[in-house]
Protein backbone atom coordinates (compact mmCIF):
# COMPACT_ATOMS: atom_id res chain seq x y z
CA MET A 1 -2.42 20.88 -38.97
CA THR A 2 -1.80 20.20 -42.70
CA ILE A 3 -4.66 21.05 -45.05
CA ILE A 4 -4.14 20.35 -48.56
CA VAL A 5 -6.46 21.19 -51.46
CA LEU A 6 -6.47 19.23 -54.74
CA ILE A 7 -7.53 21.69 -57.87
CA LYS A 8 -7.67 21.14 -61.56
CA GLN A 9 -7.60 24.11 -64.33
CA VAL A 10 -10.16 23.76 -66.39
CA PRO A 11 -11.52 25.59 -69.58
CA ASP A 12 -13.65 28.33 -69.02
CA THR A 13 -17.55 27.41 -69.66
CA GLU A 14 -17.73 30.07 -72.44
CA THR A 15 -14.93 28.33 -74.40
CA LYS A 16 -15.91 27.43 -77.99
CA VAL A 17 -14.61 24.08 -78.14
CA ARG A 18 -12.56 22.86 -80.96
CA ILE A 19 -11.52 19.15 -81.50
CA THR A 20 -8.06 18.45 -82.65
CA ALA A 21 -7.20 17.10 -86.37
CA ASP A 22 -6.71 13.42 -84.80
CA LYS A 23 -9.84 13.37 -82.61
CA LYS A 24 -7.83 12.76 -79.40
CA GLY A 25 -8.60 15.95 -77.49
CA ILE A 26 -9.57 19.64 -77.89
CA GLU A 27 -7.66 22.57 -79.19
CA THR A 28 -6.18 24.35 -76.09
CA ASN A 29 -4.06 27.43 -77.88
CA ASP A 30 -6.91 29.82 -77.50
CA ILE A 31 -8.57 28.77 -74.38
CA LYS A 32 -9.06 30.62 -71.32
CA TRP A 33 -8.12 28.40 -68.56
CA VAL A 34 -9.61 28.75 -64.91
CA ILE A 35 -9.74 26.99 -61.86
CA ASN A 36 -12.36 24.22 -61.56
CA PRO A 37 -15.62 26.02 -60.11
CA TYR A 38 -16.12 23.18 -57.58
CA ASP A 39 -12.19 23.24 -56.68
CA GLU A 40 -12.83 26.94 -55.58
CA PHE A 41 -15.43 25.55 -52.95
CA ALA A 42 -12.69 23.50 -51.71
CA ILE A 43 -10.03 26.06 -51.53
CA GLU A 44 -12.35 28.15 -49.41
CA GLU A 45 -13.21 25.61 -47.40
CA GLY A 46 -9.49 24.82 -46.82
CA LEU A 47 -9.10 28.54 -45.59
CA LYS A 48 -12.16 28.56 -43.69
CA THR A 49 -11.07 25.53 -41.77
CA LYS A 50 -7.66 26.84 -41.08
CA GLU A 51 -9.24 29.99 -39.69
CA ARG A 52 -11.65 27.99 -37.36
CA LEU A 53 -8.98 25.90 -35.90
CA LYS A 54 -6.61 29.10 -35.68
CA GLU A 55 -3.78 26.93 -36.77
CA GLY A 56 -2.46 24.93 -39.41
CA THR A 57 -1.48 25.56 -43.21
CA VAL A 58 -3.33 25.42 -46.53
CA THR A 59 -1.50 23.65 -49.55
CA VAL A 60 -2.98 23.69 -52.92
CA VAL A 61 -1.73 20.91 -55.43
CA THR A 62 -2.51 20.32 -58.99
CA VAL A 63 -1.00 18.23 -61.73
CA GLY A 64 -0.19 19.19 -65.19
CA PRO A 65 1.60 21.27 -68.12
CA ALA A 66 3.26 24.44 -67.18
CA ARG A 67 0.40 26.64 -67.74
CA THR A 68 -1.42 25.28 -64.32
CA VAL A 69 0.82 27.33 -62.14
CA GLU A 70 -1.64 30.01 -63.01
CA ALA A 71 -4.45 28.22 -61.10
CA LEU A 72 -2.00 27.80 -58.02
CA ARG A 73 -1.22 31.39 -58.11
CA THR A 74 -4.81 32.49 -58.00
CA ALA A 75 -5.23 29.87 -55.08
CA VAL A 76 -2.43 31.66 -53.10
CA ALA A 77 -3.80 34.92 -53.89
CA MET A 78 -6.90 33.83 -52.35
CA GLY A 79 -5.22 33.01 -49.19
CA ALA A 80 -3.31 29.47 -49.49
CA ASP A 81 -0.01 29.38 -47.95
CA ASN A 82 1.82 26.75 -49.96
CA ALA A 83 1.37 25.48 -53.94
CA ILE A 84 2.80 22.37 -55.30
CA HIS A 85 2.93 21.62 -58.72
CA VAL A 86 3.48 18.23 -60.06
CA LYS A 87 4.77 19.20 -63.85
CA GLU A 88 3.84 16.77 -66.36
CA GLU A 89 3.40 17.86 -70.47
CA GLY A 90 2.47 14.41 -71.47
CA THR A 91 -0.57 12.43 -71.89
CA LEU A 92 -2.22 12.04 -68.23
CA ASP A 93 -5.44 9.85 -67.22
CA THR A 94 -7.46 10.18 -64.05
CA TYR A 95 -5.60 7.17 -62.33
CA LEU A 96 -1.96 8.50 -62.91
CA VAL A 97 -2.74 12.07 -61.83
CA SER A 98 -4.49 10.53 -58.87
CA LYS A 99 -1.33 8.53 -57.98
CA ALA A 100 0.69 11.87 -58.21
CA LEU A 101 -1.76 13.57 -55.95
CA ALA A 102 -1.75 10.75 -53.61
CA GLU A 103 2.11 10.62 -53.51
CA VAL A 104 2.09 14.58 -52.79
CA CYS A 105 -0.40 14.06 -49.91
CA LYS A 106 1.94 11.38 -48.30
CA LYS A 107 5.12 13.69 -48.85
CA GLU A 108 3.07 16.46 -47.11
CA ASN A 109 1.41 14.63 -44.17
CA GLY A 110 -2.16 15.98 -45.28
CA GLN A 111 -4.36 15.70 -42.34
CA ILE A 112 -7.21 16.95 -44.25
CA ILE A 113 -7.72 16.68 -48.18
CA PHE A 114 -10.22 18.81 -49.72
CA THR A 115 -11.26 18.64 -53.65
CA GLY A 116 -14.48 19.56 -55.65
CA LYS A 117 -16.91 16.83 -56.04
CA GLN A 118 -16.12 16.86 -59.63
CA ALA A 119 -14.17 18.58 -62.65
CA ILE A 120 -16.50 20.51 -65.04
CA ASP A 121 -14.27 19.28 -68.00
CA ASP A 122 -14.73 15.60 -68.16
CA ASP A 123 -17.45 15.14 -65.07
CA GLN A 124 -15.82 12.02 -64.05
CA ALA A 125 -16.25 12.68 -60.20
CA ALA A 126 -13.55 10.19 -59.56
CA THR A 127 -10.56 11.74 -58.50
CA PHE A 128 -11.32 12.18 -54.72
CA ALA A 129 -12.08 8.40 -54.75
CA TYR A 130 -8.72 7.31 -56.25
CA VAL A 131 -6.80 9.35 -53.84
CA ALA A 132 -8.55 8.03 -50.95
CA GLU A 133 -8.12 4.60 -52.05
CA LEU A 134 -4.59 4.87 -52.74
CA LEU A 135 -3.72 6.63 -49.54
CA ASP A 136 -6.04 3.97 -47.56
CA TYR A 137 -8.20 7.14 -46.10
CA PRO A 138 -11.92 7.21 -45.64
CA SER A 139 -13.81 9.74 -47.79
CA ALA A 140 -17.03 11.41 -48.54
CA THR A 141 -18.21 13.83 -51.26
CA VAL A 142 -21.25 16.10 -52.23
CA ILE A 143 -20.26 17.68 -48.92
CA VAL A 144 -22.09 20.85 -47.72
CA LYS A 145 -21.06 21.43 -44.32
CA CYS A 146 -17.52 20.27 -42.66
CA ASP A 147 -16.99 20.36 -38.75
CA ILE A 148 -13.57 19.15 -37.32
CA SER A 149 -13.66 18.02 -33.91
CA ALA A 150 -11.81 20.16 -31.30
CA ASP A 151 -9.11 17.32 -30.88
CA LYS A 152 -8.74 17.25 -34.78
CA THR A 153 -9.23 13.55 -35.05
CA LYS A 154 -12.65 13.40 -36.94
CA ALA A 155 -15.03 15.28 -38.80
CA THR A 156 -18.78 15.66 -39.07
CA LEU A 157 -19.78 15.99 -42.40
CA GLU A 158 -23.35 17.11 -44.14
CA GLN A 159 -23.66 15.28 -47.37
CA GLU A 160 -26.55 16.08 -50.04
CA ALA A 161 -28.50 13.39 -51.03
CA ASP A 162 -30.32 12.77 -54.45
CA SER A 163 -34.13 13.27 -52.55
CA GLY A 164 -33.09 16.76 -51.18
CA ALA A 165 -32.45 15.10 -47.77
CA LYS A 166 -29.18 15.45 -45.93
CA ASN A 167 -26.89 12.72 -44.98
CA ILE A 168 -24.68 13.14 -41.49
CA ILE A 169 -21.53 11.42 -41.82
CA GLU A 170 -18.62 11.15 -39.18
CA THR A 171 -15.21 10.19 -40.20
CA SER A 172 -12.10 10.04 -38.74
CA LEU A 173 -8.84 12.20 -39.75
CA PRO A 174 -6.96 12.18 -42.25
CA ALA A 175 -9.79 11.94 -44.73
CA VAL A 176 -10.42 12.85 -48.27
CA ILE A 177 -13.56 15.48 -48.55
CA GLY A 178 -15.10 16.28 -51.82
CA VAL A 179 -16.98 19.23 -51.49
CA ASN A 180 -20.26 20.63 -53.24
CA LYS A 181 -21.55 23.89 -54.38
CA GLY A 182 -23.16 25.68 -51.36
CA ILE A 183 -20.89 24.76 -48.87
CA ASN A 184 -19.73 28.65 -48.68
CA THR A 185 -19.39 31.45 -51.16
CA PRO A 186 -15.69 31.50 -52.39
CA ARG A 187 -13.70 34.86 -51.53
CA TYR A 188 -12.16 36.97 -54.23
CA ALA A 189 -8.19 37.67 -54.31
CA SER A 190 -7.14 40.57 -52.36
CA LEU A 191 -4.80 43.14 -54.03
CA PRO A 192 -2.02 42.08 -51.53
CA GLY A 193 -2.87 38.48 -52.10
CA ILE A 194 -2.14 38.89 -55.78
CA MET A 195 1.06 40.73 -55.21
CA LYS A 196 2.04 37.95 -52.89
CA ALA A 197 1.04 35.04 -55.10
CA LYS A 198 3.39 36.66 -58.23
CA LYS A 199 6.26 36.26 -55.78
CA LYS A 200 5.21 32.93 -54.27
CA GLU A 201 7.93 30.30 -54.85
CA ILE A 202 6.11 27.08 -56.42
CA LYS A 203 7.33 23.75 -55.17
CA THR A 204 8.01 21.53 -58.61
CA TYR A 205 7.80 17.84 -58.73
CA THR A 206 7.90 15.34 -61.82
CA LEU A 207 6.44 12.12 -61.91
CA ASN A 208 10.07 10.61 -61.58
CA ASP A 209 10.66 12.46 -58.28
CA LEU A 210 7.44 10.92 -57.03
CA GLY A 211 8.60 7.60 -57.98
CA LEU A 212 5.98 7.53 -61.02
CA GLY A 213 8.61 8.13 -64.07
CA ALA A 214 7.89 4.31 -65.11
CA GLU A 215 3.73 4.89 -65.24
CA THR A 216 1.85 5.60 -68.33
CA ALA A 217 -1.88 6.44 -68.81
CA ARG A 218 -4.09 3.57 -68.70
CA ALA A 219 -7.02 5.48 -70.38
CA ILE A 220 -6.25 7.03 -73.84
CA ASP A 221 -9.09 9.31 -75.22
CA SER A 222 -10.02 8.85 -78.79
CA ASP A 223 -12.53 9.91 -81.29
CA TYR A 224 -13.65 13.01 -79.81
CA GLN A 225 -16.92 14.37 -81.32
CA LEU A 226 -19.08 17.51 -80.93
CA PRO A 227 -22.53 16.82 -80.03
CA PRO A 228 -25.16 16.94 -82.99
CA GLU A 229 -26.54 20.38 -83.80
CA ARG A 230 -30.06 20.61 -82.85
CA ALA A 231 -32.90 20.82 -85.19
CA ALA A 232 -34.50 24.02 -85.71
CA GLY A 233 -37.60 24.28 -83.59
CA LYS A 234 -41.20 24.45 -85.09
CA LYS A 235 -43.54 27.42 -84.38
CA LEU A 236 -47.36 26.62 -84.55
CA SER A 237 -49.70 28.89 -85.95
CA GLY A 238 -53.39 29.47 -86.25
CA ASP A 239 -56.06 29.56 -83.24
CA ILE A 240 -55.69 27.34 -80.12
CA PRO A 241 -57.52 24.42 -81.67
CA THR A 242 -55.65 24.46 -84.67
CA GLN A 243 -52.35 24.34 -82.80
CA VAL A 244 -53.54 21.63 -80.35
CA LYS A 245 -54.38 19.49 -83.49
CA GLU A 246 -51.00 20.22 -85.00
CA LEU A 247 -49.13 19.80 -81.63
CA VAL A 248 -50.89 16.46 -81.14
CA ARG A 249 -49.90 15.37 -84.95
CA LEU A 250 -46.26 16.25 -84.37
CA LEU A 251 -46.12 14.40 -81.01
CA ARG A 252 -47.47 11.27 -83.05
CA GLU A 253 -45.88 11.25 -86.32
CA GLU A 254 -42.74 12.79 -85.58
CA ALA A 255 -41.60 12.60 -82.10
CA LYS A 256 -43.36 9.25 -81.87
CA VAL A 257 -44.17 9.87 -78.22
CA ILE A 258 -47.72 9.50 -78.07
């Protein structure tokens, strides 16, 4: 069974973001890049699925510039068998990335495709659905439990609902599954895994190789802006009745919520 995990490299959450002069993106020179945290859960679920089935391979796939190979090697160090890089240094949008990922899934004959429910940089939570639509596969997201049937033809999934309830979904395979935090605890890369990852051959495609050379991004980012700085907080002084009176005045006259 071929298990494919789609991953994305994103800025570390502690990165101080700086907008480029043309306001069309962020400065990337000094950024620490990491695997999207939700995709770490997807990698772990791919590995656990292989262990439970006692067969198959886990292949990680990403699209992006040369630096994204680092994310692939980290996934191999965790235990992935193979890694595929769709190398593209130009401007990409979710649609074009998804088309590239879908083409790789076709080439690799992926039977179970895991990915994180969303990326923490743009928060679109769209790639899993785009890929599923392009492949004409069923899909589900916000999944916290995944059981593959003994005959490997279907999966029973547990999906978190907004109310805190859980939905039980049964889907045929192949399928695209977006996982959520809580489905597992991602393992650390072992020392042998790190050594293996350094030597691992990464299969590389270009958009031309995938028949997408004529494609261009359909969405272009522009006018990036940092959120406005928060106003300084106010500290109330005096005894309790005085503080209460002042708080009510502020809520009525400044915040205008009462």
